[in-house]
C-alpha atoms as a PDB file:
ATOM      1  CA  MET A   1     -10.235 -16.779  13.337  1.00  0.00           C
ATOM      2  CA  ASP A   2      -7.675 -18.278  15.700  1.00  0.00           C
ATOM      3  CA  ALA A   3      -5.929 -15.281  17.123  1.00  0.00           C
ATOM      4  CA  THR A   4      -2.910 -17.560  18.060  1.00  0.00           C
ATOM      5  CA  ALA A   5      -1.982 -18.275  14.421  1.00  0.00           C
ATOM      6  CA  LEU A   6      -0.948 -15.719  11.679  1.00  0.00           C
ATOM      7  CA  PRO A   7      -2.997 -15.851   8.448  1.00  0.00           C
ATOM      8  CA  ILE A   8       0.017 -15.890   6.405  1.00  0.00           C
ATOM      9  CA  ASP A   9       3.753 -17.073   6.899  1.00  0.00           C
ATOM     10  CA  ALA A  10       6.992 -16.708   5.107  1.00  0.00           C
ATOM     11  CA  ASP A  11       6.191 -19.808   2.906  1.00  0.00           C
ATOM     12  CA  ASP A  12       2.991 -17.996   1.745  1.00  0.00           C
ATOM     13  CA  VAL A  13       5.170 -15.038   0.736  1.00  0.00           C
ATOM     14  CA  ALA A  14       7.667 -17.396  -0.875  1.00  0.00           C
ATOM     15  CA  ARG A  15       4.962 -19.019  -2.879  1.00  0.00           C
ATOM     16  CA  ALA A  16       3.700 -15.648  -3.985  1.00  0.00           C
ATOM     17  CA  ALA A  17       7.150 -14.606  -4.956  1.00  0.00           C
ATOM     18  CA  ALA A  18       7.381 -17.600  -7.314  1.00  0.00           C
ATOM     19  CA  ARG A  19       4.075 -16.650  -8.992  1.00  0.00           C
ATOM     20  CA  LEU A  20       5.396 -13.242  -9.485  1.00  0.00           C
ATOM     21  CA  GLU A  21       8.794 -14.217 -10.863  1.00  0.00           C
ATOM     22  CA  GLY A  22       9.201 -12.673 -14.213  1.00  0.00           C
ATOM     23  CA  VAL A  23       5.905 -10.887 -14.089  1.00  0.00           C
ATOM     24  CA  ALA A  24       6.253  -8.300 -11.237  1.00  0.00           C
ATOM     25  CA  HIS A  25       9.158  -5.762 -11.390  1.00  0.00           C
ATOM     26  CA  ARG A  26      11.958  -6.405  -8.798  1.00  0.00           C
ATOM     27  CA  THR A  27      11.928  -2.667  -7.896  1.00  0.00           C
ATOM     28  CA  PRO A  28      15.116  -0.853  -6.799  1.00  0.00           C
ATOM     29  CA  VAL A  29      15.908   0.415  -3.437  1.00  0.00           C
ATOM     30  CA  LEU A  30      16.947   4.146  -3.727  1.00  0.00           C
ATOM     31  CA  THR A  31      19.096   6.071  -1.374  1.00  0.00           C
ATOM     32  CA  SER A  32      19.867   9.597  -1.026  1.00  0.00           C
ATOM     33  CA  ARG A  33      22.589  11.421   0.849  1.00  0.00           C
ATOM     34  CA  ARG A  34      20.412  14.471   1.385  1.00  0.00           C
ATOM     35  CA  LEU A  35      17.768  12.500   3.019  1.00  0.00           C
ATOM     36  CA  ASP A  36      20.421  10.720   5.230  1.00  0.00           C
ATOM     37  CA  ALA A  37      21.880  14.149   6.150  1.00  0.00           C
ATOM     38  CA  ALA A  38      18.444  15.620   6.984  1.00  0.00           C
ATOM     39  CA  THR A  39      17.408  12.702   9.314  1.00  0.00           C
ATOM     40  CA  GLY A  40      20.637  11.305  10.664  1.00  0.00           C
ATOM     41  CA  GLY A  41      19.848   7.925   9.508  1.00  0.00           C
ATOM     42  CA  ARG A  42      20.513   5.555   6.411  1.00  0.00           C
ATOM     43  CA  LEU A  43      17.401   5.418   4.428  1.00  0.00           C
ATOM     44  CA  PHE A  44      16.636   2.663   2.002  1.00  0.00           C
ATOM     45  CA  CYS A  45      13.478   3.463  -0.191  1.00  0.00           C
ATOM     46  CA  LYS A  46      11.818   0.639  -1.713  1.00  0.00           C
ATOM     47  CA  ALA A  47      10.700   2.060  -5.164  1.00  0.00           C
ATOM     48  CA  GLU A  48       7.275   0.375  -5.384  1.00  0.00           C
ATOM     49  CA  HIS A  49       5.977   3.522  -7.271  1.00  0.00           C
ATOM     50  CA  LEU A  50       8.066   1.922 -10.156  1.00  0.00           C
ATOM     51  CA  GLN A  51       6.045  -1.357  -9.914  1.00  0.00           C
ATOM     52  CA  ARG A  52       3.561  -2.436 -12.673  1.00  0.00           C
ATOM     53  CA  VAL A  53       0.483  -0.137 -12.440  1.00  0.00           C
ATOM     54  CA  GLY A  54       2.614   2.284 -10.537  1.00  0.00           C
ATOM     55  CA  ALA A  55       2.054   0.634  -7.140  1.00  0.00           C
ATOM     56  CA  PHE A  56       2.751  -2.425  -4.865  1.00  0.00           C
ATOM     57  CA  LYS A  57      -0.758  -3.628  -5.399  1.00  0.00           C
ATOM     58  CA  PHE A  58       0.001  -5.351  -8.513  1.00  0.00           C
ATOM     59  CA  ARG A  59       1.940  -7.930  -6.419  1.00  0.00           C
ATOM     60  CA  GLY A  60      -1.160  -9.052  -4.404  1.00  0.00           C
ATOM     61  CA  ALA A  61      -3.484  -8.729  -7.066  1.00  0.00           C
ATOM     62  CA  TYR A  62      -1.520 -11.011  -9.635  1.00  0.00           C
ATOM     63  CA  ASN A  63      -0.958 -13.456  -6.708  1.00  0.00           C
ATOM     64  CA  ALA A  64      -4.537 -13.764  -5.934  1.00  0.00           C
ATOM     65  CA  VAL A  65      -5.824 -14.055  -9.602  1.00  0.00           C
ATOM     66  CA  ALA A  66      -3.179 -16.520 -10.657  1.00  0.00           C
ATOM     67  CA  ALA A  67      -3.843 -18.826  -7.525  1.00  0.00           C
ATOM     68  CA  LEU A  68      -7.665 -19.144  -8.470  1.00  0.00           C
ATOM     69  CA  ASP A  69      -8.783 -22.541 -10.135  1.00  0.00           C
ATOM     70  CA  PRO A  70      -8.699 -21.761 -13.958  1.00  0.00           C
ATOM     71  CA  GLN A  71     -12.382 -22.756 -14.164  1.00  0.00           C
ATOM     72  CA  VAL A  72     -13.240 -20.297 -11.407  1.00  0.00           C
ATOM     73  CA  ARG A  73     -11.003 -17.710 -12.794  1.00  0.00           C
ATOM     74  CA  ARG A  74     -12.851 -17.695 -16.178  1.00  0.00           C
ATOM     75  CA  ARG A  75     -15.985 -16.646 -14.516  1.00  0.00           C
ATOM     76  CA  GLY A  76     -14.343 -13.306 -13.777  1.00  0.00           C
ATOM     77  CA  VAL A  77     -13.313 -11.114 -10.854  1.00  0.00           C
ATOM     78  CA  VAL A  78     -14.757  -8.252  -8.881  1.00  0.00           C
ATOM     79  CA  ALA A  79     -12.820  -5.896  -6.678  1.00  0.00           C
ATOM     80  CA  PHE A  80     -13.620  -2.506  -4.924  1.00  0.00           C
ATOM     81  CA  SER A  81     -10.819   0.079  -4.790  1.00  0.00           C
ATOM     82  CA  SER A  82      -9.901   3.743  -4.791  1.00  0.00           C
ATOM     83  CA  GLY A  83      -7.607   3.016  -7.705  1.00  0.00           C
ATOM     84  CA  ASN A  84      -4.441   1.305  -7.333  1.00  0.00           C
ATOM     85  CA  HIS A  85      -6.061  -2.163  -6.420  1.00  0.00           C
ATOM     86  CA  ALA A  86      -8.406  -1.516  -9.160  1.00  0.00           C
ATOM     87  CA  GLN A  87      -5.589  -0.895 -11.718  1.00  0.00           C
ATOM     88  CA  ALA A  88      -3.792  -4.122 -10.410  1.00  0.00           C
ATOM     89  CA  ILE A  89      -6.862  -6.353 -10.717  1.00  0.00           C
ATOM     90  CA  ALA A  90      -7.538  -5.026 -14.017  1.00  0.00           C
ATOM     91  CA  LEU A  91      -3.996  -5.799 -15.273  1.00  0.00           C
ATOM     92  CA  ALA A  92      -3.772  -9.077 -13.484  1.00  0.00           C
ATOM     93  CA  ALA A  93      -7.140 -10.229 -15.041  1.00  0.00           C
ATOM     94  CA  ALA A  94      -6.093  -9.009 -18.325  1.00  0.00           C
ATOM     95  CA  LEU A  95      -2.904 -11.155 -18.293  1.00  0.00           C
ATOM     96  CA  HIS A  96      -5.077 -14.202 -17.628  1.00  0.00           C
ATOM     97  CA  SER A  97      -7.677 -13.251 -20.105  1.00  0.00           C
ATOM     98  CA  VAL A  98     -10.584 -13.010 -17.702  1.00  0.00           C
ATOM     99  CA  PRO A  99     -13.256 -10.315 -17.130  1.00  0.00           C
ATOM    100  CA  ALA A 100     -12.774  -7.746 -14.323  1.00  0.00           C
ATOM    101  CA  THR A 101     -15.267  -5.506 -12.772  1.00  0.00           C
ATOM    102  CA  LEU A 102     -13.983  -2.757 -10.439  1.00  0.00           C
ATOM    103  CA  VAL A 103     -16.208  -0.802  -8.011  1.00  0.00           C
ATOM    104  CA  MET A 104     -14.584   2.590  -7.675  1.00  0.00           C
ATOM    105  CA  PRO A 105     -15.512   5.751  -6.077  1.00  0.00           C
ATOM    106  CA  THR A 106     -16.933   8.643  -8.244  1.00  0.00           C
ATOM    107  CA  ASP A 107     -13.903  10.913  -6.906  1.00  0.00           C
ATOM    108  CA  ALA A 108     -11.215   8.513  -7.498  1.00  0.00           C
ATOM    109  CA  PRO A 109      -8.299  10.199  -9.133  1.00  0.00           C
ATOM    110  CA  ALA A 110      -8.929  10.501 -12.962  1.00  0.00           C
ATOM    111  CA  VAL A 111      -5.578   9.041 -13.782  1.00  0.00           C
ATOM    112  CA  LYS A 112      -6.394   5.903 -11.923  1.00  0.00           C
ATOM    113  CA  LEU A 113      -9.924   5.645 -13.499  1.00  0.00           C
ATOM    114  CA  ALA A 114      -8.378   6.099 -16.957  1.00  0.00           C
ATOM    115  CA  ALA A 115      -5.633   3.496 -16.238  1.00  0.00           C
ATOM    116  CA  THR A 116      -8.139   0.945 -14.986  1.00  0.00           C
ATOM    117  CA  ARG A 117     -10.340   1.209 -18.088  1.00  0.00           C
ATOM    118  CA  GLY A 118      -7.175   1.115 -20.188  1.00  0.00           C
ATOM    119  CA  TYR A 119      -6.464  -2.384 -19.183  1.00  0.00           C
ATOM    120  CA  GLY A 120      -9.893  -3.294 -20.347  1.00  0.00           C
ATOM    121  CA  ALA A 121     -11.949  -3.479 -17.070  1.00  0.00           C
ATOM    122  CA  GLU A 122     -15.562  -2.445 -16.450  1.00  0.00           C
ATOM    123  CA  ILE A 123     -15.906   0.169 -13.826  1.00  0.00           C
ATOM    124  CA  VAL A 124     -19.006   0.668 -11.600  1.00  0.00           C
ATOM    125  CA  THR A 125     -18.853   3.941  -9.610  1.00  0.00           C
ATOM    126  CA  TYR A 126     -20.100   4.689  -6.140  1.00  0.00           C
ATOM    127  CA  ASP A 127     -20.176   7.656  -3.532  1.00  0.00           C
ATOM    128  CA  ARG A 128     -17.541   6.785  -1.085  1.00  0.00           C
ATOM    129  CA  TYR A 129     -19.208   8.916   1.545  1.00  0.00           C
ATOM    130  CA  ALA A 130     -22.589   7.359   1.287  1.00  0.00           C
ATOM    131  CA  ASP A 131     -22.586   3.963  -0.439  1.00  0.00           C
ATOM    132  CA  ASP A 132     -21.173   0.517   0.646  1.00  0.00           C
ATOM    133  CA  ARG A 133     -18.639  -0.519  -1.876  1.00  0.00           C
ATOM    134  CA  ALA A 134     -18.532  -4.155  -0.418  1.00  0.00           C
ATOM    135  CA  ALA A 135     -22.124  -4.497  -0.814  1.00  0.00           C
ATOM    136  CA  ILE A 136     -22.188  -3.257  -4.289  1.00  0.00           C
ATOM    137  CA  GLY A 137     -19.192  -5.804  -5.229  1.00  0.00           C
ATOM    138  CA  GLN A 138     -20.756  -8.596  -3.573  1.00  0.00           C
ATOM    139  CA  ALA A 139     -24.097  -7.987  -5.587  1.00  0.00           C
ATOM    140  CA  ILE A 140     -22.248  -8.020  -8.649  1.00  0.00           C
ATOM    141  CA  ALA A 141     -20.175 -11.021  -7.894  1.00  0.00           C
ATOM    142  CA  THR A 142     -23.490 -12.881  -6.873  1.00  0.00           C
ATOM    143  CA  GLU A 143     -25.255 -12.052 -10.115  1.00  0.00           C
ATOM    144  CA  ARG A 144     -22.227 -12.948 -12.385  1.00  0.00           C
ATOM    145  CA  GLY A 145     -20.767 -15.887 -10.491  1.00  0.00           C
ATOM    146  CA  ALA A 146     -17.649 -13.957 -10.182  1.00  0.00           C
ATOM    147  CA  THR A 147     -14.897 -13.911  -7.467  1.00  0.00           C
ATOM    148  CA  ILE A 148     -14.299 -11.219  -5.183  1.00  0.00           C
ATOM    149  CA  ILE A 149     -10.772 -10.249  -4.676  1.00  0.00           C
ATOM    150  CA  PRO A 150     -10.382  -7.806  -1.659  1.00  0.00           C
ATOM    151  CA  PRO A 151      -7.940  -4.972  -1.607  1.00  0.00           C
ATOM    152  CA  PHE A 152      -6.170  -6.248   1.693  1.00  0.00           C
ATOM    153  CA  ASP A 153      -8.267  -8.692   4.066  1.00  0.00           C
ATOM    154  CA  ASP A 154      -7.262 -11.810   2.066  1.00  0.00           C
ATOM    155  CA  PRO A 155      -4.351 -14.031   2.668  1.00  0.00           C
ATOM    156  CA  LEU A 156      -3.338 -14.295  -0.969  1.00  0.00           C
ATOM    157  CA  VAL A 157      -3.349 -10.486  -1.423  1.00  0.00           C
ATOM    158  CA  MET A 158      -1.348 -10.117   1.897  1.00  0.00           C
ATOM    159  CA  ALA A 159       1.151 -12.563   0.872  1.00  0.00           C
ATOM    160  CA  GLY A 160       1.743 -10.984  -2.543  1.00  0.00           C
ATOM    161  CA  GLN A 161       2.295  -7.684  -0.989  1.00  0.00           C
ATOM    162  CA  GLY A 162       4.768  -9.264   1.383  1.00  0.00           C
ATOM    163  CA  THR A 163       7.044 -10.033  -1.537  1.00  0.00           C
ATOM    164  CA  ALA A 164       7.874  -6.239  -1.605  1.00  0.00           C
ATOM    165  CA  GLY A 165       9.379  -6.579   2.004  1.00  0.00           C
ATOM    166  CA  ARG A 166      10.919  -9.973   1.020  1.00  0.00           C
ATOM    167  CA  GLU A 167      12.923  -8.213  -1.792  1.00  0.00           C
ATOM    168  CA  LEU A 168      13.846  -5.233   0.451  1.00  0.00           C
ATOM    169  CA  ALA A 169      15.248  -7.564   3.095  1.00  0.00           C
ATOM    170  CA  ALA A 170      17.568  -9.027   0.501  1.00  0.00           C
ATOM    171  CA  GLN A 171      18.475  -5.682  -1.161  1.00  0.00           C
ATOM    172  CA  ALA A 172      19.072  -3.859   2.235  1.00  0.00           C
ATOM    173  CA  PRO A 173      20.077  -6.477   4.972  1.00  0.00           C
ATOM    174  CA  ASP A 174      20.488  -5.614   8.570  1.00  0.00           C
ATOM    175  CA  LEU A 175      17.791  -3.078   8.809  1.00  0.00           C
ATOM    176  CA  ASP A 176      16.905  -1.620  12.183  1.00  0.00           C
ATOM    177  CA  LEU A 177      13.454  -0.070  11.228  1.00  0.00           C
ATOM    178  CA  LEU A 178      10.966  -0.775   8.612  1.00  0.00           C
ATOM    179  CA  VAL A 179       8.374   2.027   7.911  1.00  0.00           C
ATOM    180  CA  VAL A 180       5.288   1.042   5.795  1.00  0.00           C
ATOM    181  CA  PRO A 181       2.139   3.099   4.883  1.00  0.00           C
ATOM    182  CA  ILE A 182      -1.157   1.517   6.104  1.00  0.00           C
ATOM    183  CA  GLY A 183      -4.680   1.615   4.721  1.00  0.00           C
ATOM    184  CA  GLY A 184      -6.261  -1.746   5.070  1.00  0.00           C
ATOM    185  CA  GLY A 185      -3.015  -3.315   6.248  1.00  0.00           C
ATOM    186  CA  GLY A 186      -2.314  -5.660   3.412  1.00  0.00           C
ATOM    187  CA  LEU A 187       0.899  -4.284   2.603  1.00  0.00           C
ATOM    188  CA  LEU A 188       2.083  -3.723   6.249  1.00  0.00           C
ATOM    189  CA  SER A 189       1.170  -7.120   7.433  1.00  0.00           C
ATOM    190  CA  GLY A 190       2.601  -8.951   4.451  1.00  0.00           C
ATOM    191  CA  CYS A 191       5.975  -7.066   4.828  1.00  0.00           C
ATOM    192  CA  ALA A 192       5.969  -7.550   8.552  1.00  0.00           C
ATOM    193  CA  VAL A 193       5.797 -11.236   8.062  1.00  0.00           C
ATOM    194  CA  ALA A 194       8.392 -11.275   5.284  1.00  0.00           C
ATOM    195  CA  VAL A 195      10.820  -8.981   6.894  1.00  0.00           C
ATOM    196  CA  THR A 196      10.754 -10.441  10.371  1.00  0.00           C
ATOM    197  CA  ALA A 197      11.298 -14.010   8.950  1.00  0.00           C
ATOM    198  CA  ALA A 198      14.372 -12.840   6.787  1.00  0.00           C
ATOM    199  CA  LEU A 199      15.955 -10.377   9.284  1.00  0.00           C
ATOM    200  CA  GLY A 200      14.681 -11.358  12.827  1.00  0.00           C
ATOM    201  CA  ALA A 201      13.840  -8.527  15.346  1.00  0.00           C
ATOM    202  CA  VAL A 202      13.363  -5.225  13.450  1.00  0.00           C
ATOM    203  CA  GLU A 203      11.075  -2.415  14.634  1.00  0.00           C
ATOM    204  CA  ILE A 204       8.145  -2.073  12.330  1.00  0.00           C
ATOM    205  CA  VAL A 205       6.233   0.942  12.213  1.00  0.00           C
ATOM    206  CA  GLY A 206       2.909   1.771  10.201  1.00  0.00           C
ATOM    207  CA  VAL A 207       1.915   5.241   8.929  1.00  0.00           C
ATOM    208  CA  GLU A 208      -1.587   6.439   8.360  1.00  0.00           C
ATOM    209  CA  PRO A 209      -3.311   9.786   7.829  1.00  0.00           C
ATOM    210  CA  ALA A 210      -3.275  11.899  10.955  1.00  0.00           C
ATOM    211  CA  GLY A 211      -7.096  12.381  10.700  1.00  0.00           C
ATOM    212  CA  ARG A 212      -7.757   8.670  10.312  1.00  0.00           C
ATOM    213  CA  ARG A 213      -7.132   6.547  13.572  1.00  0.00           C
ATOM    214  CA  ALA A 214      -8.433   3.262  12.071  1.00  0.00           C
ATOM    215  CA  ALA A 215      -5.016   1.534  12.457  1.00  0.00           C
ATOM    216  CA  ARG A 216      -3.887   3.208  15.726  1.00  0.00           C
ATOM    217  CA  ASP A 217      -7.266   2.562  17.574  1.00  0.00           C
ATOM    218  CA  ALA A 218      -7.438  -1.079  16.308  1.00  0.00           C
ATOM    219  CA  LEU A 219      -3.846  -1.773  17.671  1.00  0.00           C
ATOM    220  CA  ALA A 220      -4.987  -0.102  21.031  1.00  0.00           C
ATOM    221  CA  SER A 221      -8.225  -1.835  21.206  1.00  0.00           C
ATOM    222  CA  GLY A 222      -7.354  -5.170  19.821  1.00  0.00           C
ATOM    223  CA  HIS A 223     -10.131  -5.323  17.265  1.00  0.00           C
ATOM    224  CA  THR A 224     -11.166  -3.585  13.986  1.00  0.00           C
ATOM    225  CA  VAL A 225     -12.489   0.076  14.325  1.00  0.00           C
ATOM    226  CA  GLU A 226     -14.670   1.600  11.942  1.00  0.00           C
ATOM    227  CA  VAL A 227     -14.196   5.263  11.164  1.00  0.00           C
ATOM    228  CA  GLU A 228     -15.602   7.821   8.951  1.00  0.00           C
ATOM    229  CA  VAL A 229     -14.010   8.129   5.564  1.00  0.00           C
ATOM    230  CA  PRO A 230     -11.118  10.598   6.244  1.00  0.00           C
ATOM    231  CA  ARG A 231     -10.928  13.889   4.124  1.00  0.00           C
ATOM    232  CA  THR A 232      -7.363  13.683   3.088  1.00  0.00           C
ATOM    233  CA  VAL A 233      -5.040  13.844   0.127  1.00  0.00           C
ATOM    234  CA  LEU A 234      -3.819  10.506   0.982  1.00  0.00           C
ATOM    235  CA  ASP A 235      -6.594   8.872  -1.278  1.00  0.00           C
ATOM    236  CA  GLY A 236      -5.025   5.507  -0.966  1.00  0.00           C
ATOM    237  CA  GLN A 237      -5.674   5.489   2.804  1.00  0.00           C
ATOM    238  CA  GLN A 238      -9.131   6.421   2.890  1.00  0.00           C
ATOM    239  CA  THR A 239     -10.417   2.970   3.850  1.00  0.00           C
ATOM    240  CA  THR A 240     -12.564   3.163   7.023  1.00  0.00           C
ATOM    241  CA  SER A 241     -10.991   0.230   8.858  1.00  0.00           C
ATOM    242  CA  VAL A 242      -8.049  -2.290   8.821  1.00  0.00           C
ATOM    243  CA  GLY A 243      -8.714  -5.741   7.800  1.00  0.00           C
ATOM    244  CA  GLU A 244      -9.336  -8.445  10.399  1.00  0.00           C
ATOM    245  CA  ARG A 245      -6.584 -10.671   8.993  1.00  0.00           C
ATOM    246  CA  PRO A 246      -3.920  -7.954   8.677  1.00  0.00           C
ATOM    247  CA  LEU A 247      -4.708  -6.889  12.275  1.00  0.00           C
ATOM    248  CA  VAL A 248      -3.771 -10.354  13.591  1.00  0.00           C
ATOM    249  CA  VAL A 249      -0.323  -9.813  12.070  1.00  0.00           C
ATOM    250  CA  LEU A 250      -0.120  -6.223  13.131  1.00  0.00           C
ATOM    251  CA  ARG A 251      -0.751  -7.049  16.810  1.00  0.00           C
ATOM    252  CA  ARG A 252       1.935  -9.639  16.737  1.00  0.00           C
ATOM    253  CA  LEU A 253       4.703  -8.064  14.659  1.00  0.00           C
ATOM    254  CA  VAL A 254       4.024  -4.420  14.315  1.00  0.00           C
ATOM    255  CA  ASP A 255       5.424  -2.012  17.085  1.00  0.00           C
ATOM    256  CA  ARG A 256       3.231   1.041  16.460  1.00  0.00           C
ATOM    257  CA  VAL A 257       1.531   3.192  13.797  1.00  0.00           C
ATOM    258  CA  VAL A 258       1.873   7.004  13.653  1.00  0.00           C
ATOM    259  CA  GLY A 259      -0.034   9.631  11.627  1.00  0.00           C
ATOM    260  CA  VAL A 260       1.098  12.239   9.073  1.00  0.00           C
ATOM    261  CA  SER A 261      -0.569  15.326   7.881  1.00  0.00           C
ATOM    262  CA  ASP A 262      -1.378  16.181   4.488  1.00  0.00           C
ATOM    263  CA  GLU A 263       1.174  19.077   4.687  1.00  0.00           C
ATOM    264  CA  GLU A 264       3.859  16.748   5.772  1.00  0.00           C
ATOM    265  CA  VAL A 265       3.032  14.510   2.790  1.00  0.00           C
ATOM    266  CA  LEU A 266       3.031  16.978   0.153  1.00  0.00           C
ATOM    267  CA  ALA A 267       6.313  18.390   1.419  1.00  0.00           C
ATOM    268  CA  THR A 268       7.752  14.961   1.095  1.00  0.00           C
ATOM    269  CA  ILE A 269       6.449  14.414  -2.622  1.00  0.00           C
ATOM    270  CA  ALA A 270       8.061  17.939  -3.323  1.00  0.00           C
ATOM    271  CA  GLU A 271      11.326  16.793  -2.015  1.00  0.00           C
ATOM    272  CA  LEU A 272      11.291  13.476  -3.763  1.00  0.00           C
ATOM    273  CA  ALA A 273      10.274  14.978  -7.032  1.00  0.00           C
ATOM    274  CA  THR A 274      12.833  18.088  -6.926  1.00  0.00           C
ATOM    275  CA  THR A 275      15.888  16.210  -5.334  1.00  0.00           C
ATOM    276  CA  THR A 276      15.534  12.679  -6.127  1.00  0.00           C
ATOM    277  CA  LYS A 277      13.644  13.019  -9.469  1.00  0.00           C
ATOM    278  CA  GLN A 278      10.924  10.517  -8.118  1.00  0.00           C
ATOM    279  CA  LEU A 279       7.196  10.917  -8.720  1.00  0.00           C
ATOM    280  CA  VAL A 280       5.392   9.561  -5.741  1.00  0.00           C
ATOM    281  CA  GLU A 281       1.614   9.756  -4.852  1.00  0.00           C
ATOM    282  CA  PRO A 282       0.438  10.823  -1.491  1.00  0.00           C
ATOM    283  CA  SER A 283      -0.009   7.669   0.088  1.00  0.00           C
ATOM    284  CA  GLY A 284       3.205   6.260  -1.415  1.00  0.00           C
ATOM    285  CA  ALA A 285       5.139   9.045   0.315  1.00  0.00           C
ATOM    286  CA  ALA A 286       3.339   8.750   3.743  1.00  0.00           C
ATOM    287  CA  GLY A 287       6.039   6.430   5.265  1.00  0.00           C
ATOM    288  CA  LEU A 288       9.055   8.598   4.364  1.00  0.00           C
ATOM    289  CA  ALA A 289       6.926  11.671   5.521  1.00  0.00           C
ATOM    290  CA  ALA A 290       6.833  10.173   8.852  1.00  0.00           C
ATOM    291  CA  VAL A 291      10.688  10.028   8.823  1.00  0.00           C
ATOM    292  CA  LEU A 292      11.223  13.608   7.438  1.00  0.00           C
ATOM    293  CA  ALA A 293       8.697  15.082   9.726  1.00  0.00           C
ATOM    294  CA  GLY A 294      10.367  13.837  12.825  1.00  0.00           C
ATOM    295  CA  HIS A 295       7.631  11.551  13.972  1.00  0.00           C
ATOM    296  CA  LEU A 296      10.304   8.728  14.164  1.00  0.00           C
ATOM    297  CA  ASP A 297      13.841   9.000  15.519  1.00  0.00           C
ATOM    298  CA  VAL A 298      16.074   7.330  12.937  1.00  0.00           C
ATOM    299  CA  ARG A 299      19.328   8.942  13.769  1.00  0.00           C
ATOM    300  CA  GLY A 300      22.179   6.132  13.506  1.00  0.00           C
ATOM    301  CA  ARG A 301      19.892   3.509  12.314  1.00  0.00           C
ATOM    302  CA  ARG A 302      19.256   1.660   8.934  1.00  0.00           C
ATOM    303  CA  VAL A 303      15.816   2.326   7.974  1.00  0.00           C
ATOM    304  CA  GLY A 304      13.714   0.529   5.088  1.00  0.00           C
ATOM    305  CA  VAL A 305      10.706   2.791   3.837  1.00  0.00           C
ATOM    306  CA  LEU A 306       8.203   1.722   1.326  1.00  0.00           C
ATOM    307  CA  LEU A 307       7.435   4.080  -1.416  1.00  0.00           C
ATOM    308  CA  SER A 308       4.330   2.424  -2.167  1.00  0.00           C
ATOM    309  CA  GLY A 309       2.739   4.103  -5.120  1.00  0.00           C
ATOM    310  CA  GLY A 310       3.451   6.759  -7.890  1.00  0.00           C
ATOM    311  CA  ASN A 311      -0.019   7.520  -9.259  1.00  0.00           C
ATOM    312  CA  ALA A 312      -0.163  11.234  -8.339  1.00  0.00           C
ATOM    313  CA  THR A 313      -2.562  13.533 -10.005  1.00  0.00           C
ATOM    314  CA  PRO A 314      -1.283  16.633 -11.754  1.00  0.00           C
ATOM    315  CA  GLU A 315      -3.250  18.624  -9.347  1.00  0.00           C
ATOM    316  CA  VAL A 316      -1.592  17.011  -6.188  1.00  0.00           C
ATOM    317  CA  LEU A 317       1.910  17.292  -7.866  1.00  0.00           C
ATOM    318  CA  ALA A 318       1.223  21.041  -8.544  1.00  0.00           C
ATOM    319  CA  ARG A 319       0.045  21.579  -5.036  1.00  0.00           C
ATOM    320  CA  ALA A 320       3.102  19.811  -3.473  1.00  0.00           C
ATOM    321  CA  LEU A 321       5.536  21.717  -5.795  1.00  0.00           C
ATOM    322  CA  THR A 322       4.006  25.184  -4.862  1.00  0.00           C
ATOM    323  CA  GLY A 323       4.050  24.748  -1.192  1.00  0.00           C
ATOM    324  CA  GLY A 324       5.820  21.479  -0.076  1.00  0.00           C
ATOM    325  CA  THR A 325       9.353  22.291  -0.603  1.00  0.00           C
ATOM    326  CA  ARG A 326       9.369  25.233   1.643  1.00  0.00           C
ATOM    327  CA  ALA A 327       7.745  23.054   4.181  1.00  0.00           C
ATOM    328  CA  LEU A 328      10.544  20.360   4.105  1.00  0.00           C
ATOM    329  CA  ALA A 329      13.328  22.967   3.952  1.00  0.00           C
ATOM    330  CA  HIS A 330      11.974  24.395   7.107  1.00  0.00           C
ATOM    331  CA  ARG A 331      11.989  20.901   8.696  1.00  0.00           C
ATOM    332  CA  ALA A 332      15.538  20.018   7.425  1.00  0.00           C
ATOM    333  CA  SER A 333      16.786  23.199   8.933  1.00  0.00           C
END
């Protein structure tokens, strides 16, 4: 890959936005005087937990499926995911009346497994700590003549995810800082391209689980780094590396990546649920957790934050509500 050229640009994001027009939700931007008072900044939270399938992933999945040649599309699509990309591909495929097969870990949240099946997709499970999901997906695609749609390392997926940033830039102009969760990097890279094109110089920060340094080490070394599957409540960010294409964008446009602990994320989930009445899953709350935990100084700044998903399990929500509010109350004091 030519490292001097970005794999996607603002025109790619604009084309994705045209495909998604009238299909994806234009999610609202939420504000909170309590959160502003606690941080000293002005926070603008893009509510992608209210997107179709409960996550930003619908944007990239639909853009990728819609862009396929109709004859290719009819042979079906295959994807691998811990849940949100799986649901998104399942729905996008259903909307185009094509078969979808999803390779999902056996310990994926039950709500995500059930939703994926509910959209009519076939599910093939694997052990995320022992099996190679990409190899399983490739074998299925080869056997069936289907097309693999990766969860993040794909220009159409990246451009689709970037439409969330494109909307945010229009809804909350003059941002000083953009904070986005990062697993494989599709959302962060797409939003970085879109927001930079729309607003110019904006500080951009990614947020990953504290125990997973795949993004931080990749930025430091300049190449993708494979890590062990992290043991974390942030199941949407348990990928073992960032994608090669997203990394090209991250190195050019992203200033840094910070880590957040499970406890900080659970506290943020509790705060959102109890004071803003929003249900956000752990990975979806990672960006805001970095702000509320003080990993980023946002005082006097206009800050865009991606709340990237809302598919929290009852177990995680219960854990957050029984312990998380006290942790955040201590932080805010």
